[in-house]
């Protein structure tokens, strides 16, 4: 399979599609997460089924989804030492006359409050607008997830509305803030 090469970096972080040889780094930093700090923080995960073969299958699946322009899942790595900090992702909602996508971000909780979510999401927005040719990117954020709201605001995203009963999470339909950014507003920053 041909490998799609998409990456971006700043002074502190690099984002890129995961590779097969990221397994140990990925596993270690998921394994060393701190206990959950709030209901939107998964905390430590059960990694018992996360073998090297499982990880390689996920990497190849993510590559295929990127080739198909369905979704892009990027590992976030600290530039100073290569530590796996989390993931940022971009899902295609619609192309055609819309060029519309959705942004997501998850940083391992042992790395919170260092600006990594903002920095990696900013890099992903630039890739989305300038290399993947999206026009509009949204973040769909549970109205109770204030840390995520702060990230969207720090990126300069605009609050458009609240979509009621929009996301099924925690065994119920939950309200979401819709933050957005268009390419033109990203270029101005």
N, C-alpha and C. Protein backbone atom coordinates (compact mmCIF):
# COMPACT_ATOMS: atom_id res chain seq x y z
N UNK A 1 0.84 -1.18 0.00
CA UNK A 1 0.00 0.00 0.00
C UNK A 1 0.89 1.24 0.00
N UNK A 2 0.58 2.21 -0.84
CA UNK A 2 1.27 3.49 -0.80
C UNK A 2 0.91 4.19 0.50
N UNK A 3 1.87 4.88 1.08
CA UNK A 3 1.64 5.57 2.33
C UNK A 3 1.41 7.04 2.06
N UNK A 4 0.38 7.58 2.65
CA UNK A 4 0.10 9.00 2.53
C UNK A 4 1.02 9.73 3.52
N UNK A 5 1.66 10.77 3.07
CA UNK A 5 2.58 11.54 3.92
C UNK A 5 1.99 12.92 4.17
N UNK A 6 1.48 13.12 5.35
CA UNK A 6 0.98 14.42 5.77
C UNK A 6 1.58 14.71 7.13
N UNK A 7 2.17 15.88 7.29
CA UNK A 7 2.78 16.23 8.56
C UNK A 7 2.90 17.74 8.66
N UNK A 8 3.00 18.22 9.88
CA UNK A 8 3.25 19.64 10.13
C UNK A 8 3.94 19.74 11.49
N UNK A 9 4.70 20.79 11.68
CA UNK A 9 5.38 20.95 12.97
C UNK A 9 5.49 22.41 13.35
N UNK A 10 5.62 22.59 14.66
CA UNK A 10 5.84 23.91 15.25
C UNK A 10 7.10 23.79 16.10
N UNK A 11 7.35 24.78 16.93
CA UNK A 11 8.52 24.70 17.80
C UNK A 11 8.42 23.55 18.79
N UNK A 12 7.18 23.27 19.28
CA UNK A 12 7.02 22.27 20.34
C UNK A 12 6.55 20.91 19.87
N UNK A 13 5.68 20.87 18.85
CA UNK A 13 5.05 19.60 18.48
C UNK A 13 5.14 19.34 16.99
N UNK A 14 4.97 18.07 16.66
CA UNK A 14 4.83 17.63 15.28
C UNK A 14 3.58 16.77 15.22
N UNK A 15 2.79 16.93 14.16
CA UNK A 15 1.68 16.03 13.92
C UNK A 15 1.94 15.30 12.63
N UNK A 16 1.61 14.01 12.62
CA UNK A 16 1.76 13.20 11.42
C UNK A 16 0.90 11.96 11.57
N UNK A 17 0.61 11.33 10.45
CA UNK A 17 -0.10 10.06 10.50
C UNK A 17 0.77 9.05 11.22
N UNK A 18 0.17 8.21 12.03
CA UNK A 18 0.93 7.19 12.75
C UNK A 18 1.61 6.24 11.77
N UNK A 19 2.69 5.65 12.24
CA UNK A 19 3.44 4.65 11.48
C UNK A 19 3.55 3.40 12.33
N UNK A 20 3.80 2.28 11.68
CA UNK A 20 3.90 1.00 12.39
C UNK A 20 4.90 1.05 13.54
N UNK A 21 6.02 1.74 13.35
CA UNK A 21 7.06 1.75 14.39
C UNK A 21 6.77 2.72 15.54
N UNK A 22 5.59 3.32 15.58
CA UNK A 22 5.19 4.19 16.70
C UNK A 22 4.61 3.39 17.87
N UNK A 23 4.50 2.08 17.73
CA UNK A 23 3.76 1.27 18.70
C UNK A 23 4.26 1.45 20.13
N UNK A 24 5.54 1.27 20.40
CA UNK A 24 6.04 1.34 21.79
C UNK A 24 5.79 2.71 22.40
N UNK A 25 6.05 3.76 21.64
CA UNK A 25 5.85 5.13 22.10
C UNK A 25 4.36 5.37 22.39
N UNK A 26 3.51 4.97 21.46
CA UNK A 26 2.06 5.09 21.62
C UNK A 26 1.60 4.33 22.86
N UNK A 27 2.00 3.07 22.98
CA UNK A 27 1.57 2.21 24.08
C UNK A 27 2.02 2.79 25.43
N UNK A 28 3.28 3.17 25.52
CA UNK A 28 3.82 3.69 26.77
C UNK A 28 3.04 4.91 27.26
N UNK A 29 2.75 5.83 26.37
CA UNK A 29 2.11 7.07 26.81
C UNK A 29 0.62 6.91 27.06
N UNK A 30 -0.03 5.94 26.43
CA UNK A 30 -1.40 5.61 26.81
C UNK A 30 -1.39 4.90 28.17
N UNK A 31 -0.41 4.04 28.38
CA UNK A 31 -0.32 3.26 29.63
C UNK A 31 -0.01 4.14 30.84
N UNK A 32 0.68 5.24 30.64
CA UNK A 32 1.10 6.08 31.77
C UNK A 32 0.17 7.28 31.99
N UNK A 33 -1.02 7.24 31.42
CA UNK A 33 -1.99 8.30 31.70
C UNK A 33 -2.31 8.34 33.19
N UNK A 34 -2.60 9.52 33.68
CA UNK A 34 -3.01 9.70 35.07
C UNK A 34 -4.48 9.29 35.22
N UNK A 35 -4.93 9.07 36.45
CA UNK A 35 -6.36 8.79 36.65
C UNK A 35 -7.22 9.91 36.06
N UNK A 36 -8.41 9.57 35.68
CA UNK A 36 -9.34 10.52 35.06
C UNK A 36 -9.54 11.74 35.95
N UNK A 37 -9.52 12.92 35.33
CA UNK A 37 -9.67 14.17 36.06
C UNK A 37 -11.10 14.73 35.99
N UNK A 38 -11.87 14.31 34.98
CA UNK A 38 -13.27 14.71 34.85
C UNK A 38 -13.94 13.75 33.87
N UNK A 39 -15.23 13.91 33.65
CA UNK A 39 -15.97 12.91 32.89
C UNK A 39 -15.59 12.86 31.41
N UNK A 40 -14.92 13.87 30.90
CA UNK A 40 -14.49 13.86 29.49
C UNK A 40 -13.06 13.36 29.34
N UNK A 41 -12.47 12.93 30.41
CA UNK A 41 -11.10 12.40 30.42
C UNK A 41 -11.18 10.90 30.65
N UNK A 42 -10.76 10.12 29.67
CA UNK A 42 -10.83 8.66 29.79
C UNK A 42 -9.87 8.11 30.84
N UNK A 43 -8.81 8.84 31.13
CA UNK A 43 -7.81 8.33 32.07
C UNK A 43 -7.13 7.10 31.47
N UNK A 44 -6.60 6.21 32.33
CA UNK A 44 -5.93 5.01 31.82
C UNK A 44 -6.91 4.12 31.05
N UNK A 45 -6.43 3.49 30.00
CA UNK A 45 -7.26 2.62 29.19
C UNK A 45 -6.83 1.17 29.38
N UNK A 46 -7.74 0.25 29.12
CA UNK A 46 -7.41 -1.17 29.10
C UNK A 46 -6.70 -1.46 27.78
N UNK A 47 -5.42 -1.73 27.84
CA UNK A 47 -4.62 -1.97 26.64
C UNK A 47 -4.35 -3.45 26.40
N UNK A 48 -5.08 -4.32 27.05
CA UNK A 48 -4.80 -5.75 26.98
C UNK A 48 -4.91 -6.31 25.56
N UNK A 49 -5.74 -5.74 24.73
CA UNK A 49 -5.86 -6.25 23.36
C UNK A 49 -5.02 -5.46 22.36
N UNK A 50 -4.31 -4.46 22.84
CA UNK A 50 -3.55 -3.56 21.97
C UNK A 50 -2.15 -4.10 21.69
N UNK A 51 -2.10 -5.17 20.95
CA UNK A 51 -0.83 -5.77 20.56
C UNK A 51 -0.21 -4.97 19.42
N UNK A 52 1.03 -5.29 19.08
CA UNK A 52 1.68 -4.65 17.94
C UNK A 52 0.89 -4.90 16.66
N UNK A 53 0.37 -6.12 16.48
CA UNK A 53 -0.41 -6.45 15.29
C UNK A 53 -1.71 -5.63 15.25
N UNK A 54 -2.36 -5.50 16.40
CA UNK A 54 -3.57 -4.68 16.48
C UNK A 54 -3.26 -3.25 16.07
N UNK A 55 -2.18 -2.69 16.62
CA UNK A 55 -1.79 -1.32 16.32
C UNK A 55 -1.49 -1.15 14.83
N UNK A 56 -0.77 -2.09 14.25
CA UNK A 56 -0.45 -2.00 12.82
C UNK A 56 -1.72 -2.04 11.98
N UNK A 57 -2.69 -2.84 12.38
CA UNK A 57 -3.96 -2.88 11.66
C UNK A 57 -4.68 -1.53 11.74
N UNK A 58 -4.63 -0.89 12.92
CA UNK A 58 -5.25 0.43 13.09
C UNK A 58 -4.52 1.47 12.23
N UNK A 59 -3.20 1.42 12.22
CA UNK A 59 -2.42 2.35 11.40
C UNK A 59 -2.80 2.21 9.93
N UNK A 60 -2.90 0.98 9.46
CA UNK A 60 -3.26 0.74 8.06
C UNK A 60 -4.70 1.17 7.77
N UNK A 61 -5.59 0.94 8.73
CA UNK A 61 -6.98 1.39 8.56
C UNK A 61 -7.03 2.92 8.47
N UNK A 62 -6.29 3.61 9.34
CA UNK A 62 -6.27 5.07 9.31
C UNK A 62 -5.67 5.58 8.00
N UNK A 63 -4.65 4.89 7.49
CA UNK A 63 -4.08 5.27 6.19
C UNK A 63 -5.13 5.15 5.09
N UNK A 64 -5.87 4.06 5.12
CA UNK A 64 -6.90 3.83 4.11
C UNK A 64 -8.00 4.90 4.19
N UNK A 65 -8.42 5.23 5.39
CA UNK A 65 -9.43 6.28 5.56
C UNK A 65 -8.93 7.63 5.06
N UNK A 66 -7.64 7.90 5.27
CA UNK A 66 -7.05 9.15 4.76
C UNK A 66 -7.01 9.14 3.23
N UNK A 67 -6.59 8.03 2.62
CA UNK A 67 -6.59 7.91 1.16
C UNK A 67 -7.98 8.15 0.59
N UNK A 68 -9.00 7.70 1.32
CA UNK A 68 -10.38 7.84 0.86
C UNK A 68 -10.98 9.19 1.23
N UNK A 69 -10.20 10.04 1.91
CA UNK A 69 -10.66 11.37 2.34
C UNK A 69 -11.86 11.29 3.27
N UNK A 70 -11.89 10.23 4.09
CA UNK A 70 -12.97 10.07 5.06
C UNK A 70 -12.56 10.69 6.39
N UNK A 71 -11.35 10.34 6.85
CA UNK A 71 -10.84 10.92 8.09
C UNK A 71 -9.33 10.82 8.11
N UNK A 72 -8.75 11.70 8.91
CA UNK A 72 -7.30 11.78 9.06
C UNK A 72 -7.01 11.78 10.56
N UNK A 73 -6.27 10.79 11.04
CA UNK A 73 -5.92 10.69 12.45
C UNK A 73 -4.42 10.90 12.57
N UNK A 74 -4.03 11.96 13.24
CA UNK A 74 -2.63 12.33 13.38
C UNK A 74 -2.16 12.08 14.80
N UNK A 75 -1.01 11.46 14.93
CA UNK A 75 -0.35 11.40 16.22
C UNK A 75 0.26 12.76 16.51
N UNK A 76 0.25 13.14 17.78
CA UNK A 76 0.90 14.38 18.22
C UNK A 76 2.14 13.97 18.98
N UNK A 77 3.29 14.49 18.55
CA UNK A 77 4.58 14.13 19.13
C UNK A 77 5.31 15.38 19.58
N UNK A 78 5.92 15.29 20.78
CA UNK A 78 6.74 16.42 21.26
C UNK A 78 8.04 16.42 20.47
N UNK A 79 8.42 17.56 19.95
CA UNK A 79 9.61 17.63 19.11
C UNK A 79 10.89 17.38 19.89
N UNK A 80 10.94 17.79 21.15
CA UNK A 80 12.20 17.69 21.90
C UNK A 80 12.63 16.24 22.14
N UNK A 81 11.65 15.34 22.33
CA UNK A 81 12.03 13.95 22.65
C UNK A 81 11.19 12.91 21.92
N UNK A 82 10.25 13.33 21.09
CA UNK A 82 9.43 12.39 20.32
C UNK A 82 8.30 11.74 21.09
N UNK A 83 8.06 12.16 22.34
CA UNK A 83 6.99 11.55 23.15
C UNK A 83 5.64 11.69 22.46
N UNK A 84 4.86 10.61 22.50
CA UNK A 84 3.51 10.60 21.94
C UNK A 84 2.59 11.33 22.91
N UNK A 85 2.04 12.47 22.49
CA UNK A 85 1.25 13.33 23.38
C UNK A 85 -0.25 13.09 23.27
N UNK A 86 -0.68 12.50 22.16
CA UNK A 86 -2.11 12.29 21.94
C UNK A 86 -2.41 12.25 20.46
N UNK A 87 -3.64 12.64 20.10
CA UNK A 87 -4.05 12.63 18.69
C UNK A 87 -4.88 13.87 18.38
N UNK A 88 -4.82 14.28 17.13
CA UNK A 88 -5.76 15.24 16.57
C UNK A 88 -6.33 14.57 15.33
N UNK A 89 -7.59 14.84 15.06
CA UNK A 89 -8.20 14.18 13.90
C UNK A 89 -9.09 15.15 13.14
N UNK A 90 -9.27 14.81 11.88
CA UNK A 90 -10.09 15.60 10.98
C UNK A 90 -10.98 14.63 10.22
N UNK A 91 -12.28 14.85 10.27
CA UNK A 91 -13.24 14.02 9.54
C UNK A 91 -13.88 14.86 8.44
N UNK A 92 -14.01 14.26 7.27
CA UNK A 92 -14.70 14.94 6.18
C UNK A 92 -16.20 14.80 6.42
N UNK A 93 -16.89 15.92 6.55
CA UNK A 93 -18.34 15.89 6.69
C UNK A 93 -19.00 15.93 5.32
N UNK A 94 -18.48 16.79 4.43
CA UNK A 94 -19.01 16.86 3.06
C UNK A 94 -18.01 17.62 2.20
N UNK A 95 -17.84 17.15 1.00
CA UNK A 95 -16.99 17.87 0.03
C UNK A 95 -17.90 18.66 -0.90
N UNK A 96 -17.98 18.34 -2.17
CA UNK A 96 -18.81 19.04 -3.15
C UNK A 96 -18.67 20.56 -3.03
N UNK A 97 -19.76 21.24 -2.84
CA UNK A 97 -19.75 22.70 -2.76
C UNK A 97 -19.49 23.21 -1.34
N UNK A 98 -19.24 22.30 -0.41
CA UNK A 98 -19.09 22.69 0.99
C UNK A 98 -17.64 22.67 1.48
N UNK A 99 -16.89 21.62 1.16
CA UNK A 99 -15.50 21.46 1.66
C UNK A 99 -15.48 21.64 3.18
N UNK A 100 -16.23 20.76 3.85
CA UNK A 100 -16.59 20.93 5.26
C UNK A 100 -16.05 19.75 6.07
N UNK A 101 -15.38 20.03 7.19
CA UNK A 101 -14.82 18.98 8.03
C UNK A 101 -15.04 19.25 9.50
N UNK A 102 -14.69 18.24 10.31
CA UNK A 102 -14.82 18.32 11.77
C UNK A 102 -13.48 18.03 12.42
N UNK A 103 -13.08 18.85 13.36
CA UNK A 103 -11.82 18.76 14.09
C UNK A 103 -12.04 18.10 15.44
N UNK A 104 -11.11 17.25 15.85
CA UNK A 104 -11.12 16.67 17.19
C UNK A 104 -9.70 16.67 17.75
N UNK A 105 -9.58 16.64 19.08
CA UNK A 105 -8.26 16.62 19.71
C UNK A 105 -8.36 15.92 21.05
N UNK A 106 -7.34 15.13 21.34
CA UNK A 106 -7.22 14.44 22.63
C UNK A 106 -5.75 14.41 23.00
N UNK A 107 -5.41 15.03 24.10
CA UNK A 107 -4.03 15.00 24.60
C UNK A 107 -4.05 14.16 25.88
N UNK A 108 -3.07 13.25 26.01
CA UNK A 108 -2.97 12.44 27.23
C UNK A 108 -2.92 13.37 28.44
N UNK A 109 -3.64 13.00 29.49
CA UNK A 109 -3.79 13.93 30.61
C UNK A 109 -2.50 14.23 31.36
N UNK A 110 -1.48 13.41 31.23
CA UNK A 110 -0.20 13.73 31.89
C UNK A 110 0.52 14.89 31.18
N UNK A 111 0.01 15.32 30.02
CA UNK A 111 0.61 16.41 29.26
C UNK A 111 -0.29 17.65 29.17
N UNK A 112 -1.33 17.70 29.97
CA UNK A 112 -2.25 18.83 29.91
C UNK A 112 -1.59 20.12 30.40
N UNK A 113 -2.22 21.22 30.04
CA UNK A 113 -1.88 22.58 30.47
C UNK A 113 -0.49 23.03 30.01
N UNK A 114 -0.09 22.53 28.85
CA UNK A 114 1.19 22.95 28.27
C UNK A 114 1.00 23.52 26.87
N UNK A 115 -0.26 23.66 26.44
CA UNK A 115 -0.54 24.25 25.13
C UNK A 115 -0.48 23.27 23.98
N UNK A 116 -0.32 21.97 24.25
CA UNK A 116 -0.17 20.99 23.18
C UNK A 116 -1.46 20.82 22.36
N UNK A 117 -2.62 20.86 23.00
CA UNK A 117 -3.87 20.72 22.25
C UNK A 117 -4.04 21.89 21.29
N UNK A 118 -3.84 23.09 21.78
CA UNK A 118 -3.97 24.27 20.93
C UNK A 118 -2.97 24.22 19.78
N UNK A 119 -1.74 23.92 20.08
CA UNK A 119 -0.69 23.94 19.06
C UNK A 119 -0.91 22.86 18.00
N UNK A 120 -1.27 21.66 18.42
CA UNK A 120 -1.49 20.58 17.45
C UNK A 120 -2.77 20.82 16.64
N UNK A 121 -3.81 21.35 17.26
CA UNK A 121 -5.04 21.66 16.52
C UNK A 121 -4.79 22.79 15.53
N UNK A 122 -3.99 23.77 15.90
CA UNK A 122 -3.67 24.86 14.96
C UNK A 122 -2.93 24.30 13.74
N UNK A 123 -1.99 23.39 13.96
CA UNK A 123 -1.28 22.76 12.83
C UNK A 123 -2.25 21.99 11.94
N UNK A 124 -3.18 21.28 12.57
CA UNK A 124 -4.14 20.51 11.79
C UNK A 124 -5.06 21.43 10.98
N UNK A 125 -5.46 22.55 11.54
CA UNK A 125 -6.28 23.50 10.78
C UNK A 125 -5.53 24.00 9.55
N UNK A 126 -4.25 24.30 9.71
CA UNK A 126 -3.46 24.76 8.55
C UNK A 126 -3.37 23.67 7.49
N UNK A 127 -3.13 22.43 7.90
CA UNK A 127 -3.12 21.33 6.93
C UNK A 127 -4.48 21.19 6.25
N UNK A 128 -5.54 21.29 7.04
CA UNK A 128 -6.89 21.13 6.49
C UNK A 128 -7.18 22.18 5.44
N UNK A 129 -6.82 23.42 5.71
CA UNK A 129 -7.13 24.50 4.78
C UNK A 129 -6.18 24.56 3.59
N UNK A 130 -4.88 24.38 3.83
CA UNK A 130 -3.90 24.63 2.79
C UNK A 130 -3.46 23.40 2.00
N UNK A 131 -3.61 22.21 2.56
CA UNK A 131 -3.18 21.01 1.84
C UNK A 131 -4.35 20.10 1.47
N UNK A 132 -5.36 20.08 2.31
CA UNK A 132 -6.52 19.21 2.05
C UNK A 132 -7.69 20.00 1.47
N UNK A 133 -7.56 21.31 1.39
CA UNK A 133 -8.50 22.20 0.70
C UNK A 133 -9.92 22.20 1.27
N UNK A 134 -10.00 22.12 2.59
CA UNK A 134 -11.29 22.34 3.24
C UNK A 134 -11.55 23.84 3.29
N UNK A 135 -12.83 24.21 3.32
CA UNK A 135 -13.20 25.61 3.47
C UNK A 135 -13.67 25.92 4.89
N UNK A 136 -14.37 24.96 5.51
CA UNK A 136 -14.95 25.18 6.84
C UNK A 136 -14.63 23.98 7.72
N UNK A 137 -14.14 24.27 8.93
CA UNK A 137 -13.87 23.23 9.92
C UNK A 137 -14.67 23.55 11.17
N UNK A 138 -15.36 22.55 11.68
CA UNK A 138 -16.13 22.70 12.92
C UNK A 138 -15.54 21.84 14.03
N UNK A 139 -15.74 22.28 15.25
CA UNK A 139 -15.49 21.47 16.44
C UNK A 139 -16.85 21.29 17.13
N UNK A 140 -17.23 20.05 17.36
CA UNK A 140 -18.51 19.74 18.03
C UNK A 140 -18.17 19.38 19.47
N UNK A 141 -18.53 20.24 20.40
CA UNK A 141 -18.06 20.11 21.79
C UNK A 141 -19.25 20.03 22.74
N UNK A 142 -19.27 18.99 23.55
CA UNK A 142 -20.30 18.86 24.59
C UNK A 142 -20.33 20.15 25.40
N UNK A 143 -21.50 20.65 25.69
CA UNK A 143 -21.64 21.94 26.39
C UNK A 143 -21.04 21.92 27.80
N UNK A 144 -20.80 20.74 28.34
CA UNK A 144 -20.19 20.65 29.67
C UNK A 144 -18.67 20.50 29.62
N UNK A 145 -18.11 20.35 28.43
CA UNK A 145 -16.66 20.10 28.29
C UNK A 145 -15.91 21.43 28.17
N UNK A 146 -15.78 22.11 29.28
CA UNK A 146 -15.18 23.45 29.30
C UNK A 146 -13.72 23.47 28.87
N UNK A 147 -12.89 22.47 29.23
CA UNK A 147 -11.51 22.51 28.72
C UNK A 147 -11.44 22.50 27.19
N UNK A 148 -12.31 21.72 26.55
CA UNK A 148 -12.32 21.69 25.10
C UNK A 148 -12.83 23.00 24.51
N UNK A 149 -13.81 23.60 25.16
CA UNK A 149 -14.30 24.92 24.74
C UNK A 149 -13.16 25.93 24.76
N UNK A 150 -12.35 25.90 25.81
CA UNK A 150 -11.22 26.84 25.92
C UNK A 150 -10.22 26.64 24.78
N UNK A 151 -9.99 25.40 24.38
CA UNK A 151 -9.09 25.15 23.25
C UNK A 151 -9.66 25.78 21.98
N UNK A 152 -10.94 25.53 21.70
CA UNK A 152 -11.56 26.09 20.49
C UNK A 152 -11.49 27.62 20.51
N UNK A 153 -11.76 28.21 21.65
CA UNK A 153 -11.70 29.66 21.75
C UNK A 153 -10.28 30.17 21.54
N UNK A 154 -9.29 29.46 22.10
CA UNK A 154 -7.90 29.89 21.95
C UNK A 154 -7.42 29.79 20.51
N UNK A 155 -8.06 28.94 19.71
CA UNK A 155 -7.74 28.83 18.29
C UNK A 155 -8.37 29.94 17.46
N UNK A 156 -9.23 30.74 18.10
CA UNK A 156 -9.94 31.79 17.39
C UNK A 156 -11.16 31.29 16.66
N UNK A 157 -11.64 30.10 17.02
CA UNK A 157 -12.85 29.58 16.39
C UNK A 157 -14.05 30.36 16.92
N UNK A 158 -15.07 30.45 16.10
CA UNK A 158 -16.26 31.22 16.42
C UNK A 158 -17.39 30.29 16.87
N UNK A 159 -18.04 30.64 17.98
CA UNK A 159 -19.21 29.89 18.43
C UNK A 159 -20.37 30.24 17.53
N UNK A 160 -20.90 29.23 16.84
CA UNK A 160 -22.01 29.45 15.93
C UNK A 160 -23.36 29.20 16.58
N UNK A 161 -23.46 28.09 17.33
CA UNK A 161 -24.76 27.73 17.90
C UNK A 161 -24.59 26.59 18.89
N UNK A 162 -25.70 26.22 19.50
CA UNK A 162 -25.80 24.99 20.26
C UNK A 162 -26.73 24.07 19.48
N UNK A 163 -26.27 22.88 19.18
CA UNK A 163 -27.14 21.88 18.55
C UNK A 163 -27.64 20.97 19.66
N UNK A 164 -28.95 20.94 19.80
CA UNK A 164 -29.55 20.18 20.90
C UNK A 164 -29.63 18.70 20.56
N UNK A 165 -29.36 17.88 21.57
CA UNK A 165 -29.41 16.42 21.43
C UNK A 165 -28.66 15.98 20.17
N UNK A 166 -27.44 16.46 20.01
CA UNK A 166 -26.67 16.29 18.78
C UNK A 166 -25.74 15.09 18.81
N UNK A 167 -25.20 14.74 19.98
CA UNK A 167 -24.19 13.70 20.09
C UNK A 167 -24.61 12.67 21.13
N UNK A 168 -24.56 11.40 20.76
CA UNK A 168 -24.90 10.34 21.71
C UNK A 168 -23.64 9.97 22.48
N UNK A 169 -23.61 10.31 23.76
CA UNK A 169 -22.45 10.06 24.62
C UNK A 169 -22.97 9.88 26.04
N UNK A 170 -22.28 9.10 26.84
CA UNK A 170 -22.69 8.84 28.21
C UNK A 170 -24.12 8.29 28.26
N UNK A 171 -24.47 7.48 27.26
CA UNK A 171 -25.78 6.82 27.16
C UNK A 171 -26.96 7.79 27.05
N UNK A 172 -26.71 8.95 26.47
CA UNK A 172 -27.80 9.91 26.24
C UNK A 172 -27.43 10.85 25.10
N UNK A 173 -28.43 11.49 24.51
CA UNK A 173 -28.21 12.50 23.49
C UNK A 173 -27.87 13.81 24.19
N UNK A 174 -26.72 14.37 23.83
CA UNK A 174 -26.20 15.53 24.54
C UNK A 174 -26.11 16.74 23.61
N UNK A 175 -26.24 17.92 24.21
CA UNK A 175 -26.12 19.18 23.48
C UNK A 175 -24.64 19.47 23.18
N UNK A 176 -24.40 20.08 22.02
CA UNK A 176 -23.04 20.43 21.64
C UNK A 176 -22.95 21.88 21.18
N UNK A 177 -21.87 22.53 21.59
CA UNK A 177 -21.50 23.80 20.99
C UNK A 177 -20.91 23.50 19.62
N UNK A 178 -21.21 24.33 18.66
CA UNK A 178 -20.58 24.22 17.34
C UNK A 178 -19.69 25.45 17.18
N UNK A 179 -18.40 25.20 17.22
CA UNK A 179 -17.41 26.23 16.93
C UNK A 179 -16.93 26.00 15.50
N UNK A 180 -16.63 27.07 14.79
CA UNK A 180 -16.17 26.89 13.42
C UNK A 180 -15.07 27.88 13.07
N UNK A 181 -14.36 27.54 12.00
CA UNK A 181 -13.41 28.45 11.40
C UNK A 181 -13.43 28.20 9.90
N UNK A 182 -13.43 29.27 9.13
CA UNK A 182 -13.32 29.18 7.68
C UNK A 182 -11.89 29.46 7.26
N UNK A 183 -11.54 29.04 6.08
CA UNK A 183 -10.17 29.23 5.61
C UNK A 183 -9.75 30.69 5.66
N UNK A 184 -10.62 31.59 5.25
CA UNK A 184 -10.27 33.01 5.22
C UNK A 184 -9.89 33.52 6.60
N UNK A 185 -10.62 33.10 7.63
CA UNK A 185 -10.31 33.58 8.99
C UNK A 185 -9.02 32.96 9.50
N UNK A 186 -8.69 31.76 9.06
CA UNK A 186 -7.42 31.13 9.44
C UNK A 186 -6.25 31.87 8.78
N UNK A 187 -6.42 32.27 7.53
CA UNK A 187 -5.37 32.97 6.81
C UNK A 187 -5.07 34.34 7.40
N UNK A 188 -6.08 34.95 8.05
CA UNK A 188 -5.90 36.28 8.64
C UNK A 188 -5.09 36.24 9.92
N UNK A 189 -4.97 35.06 10.55
CA UNK A 189 -4.30 34.97 11.84
C UNK A 189 -2.83 34.69 11.70
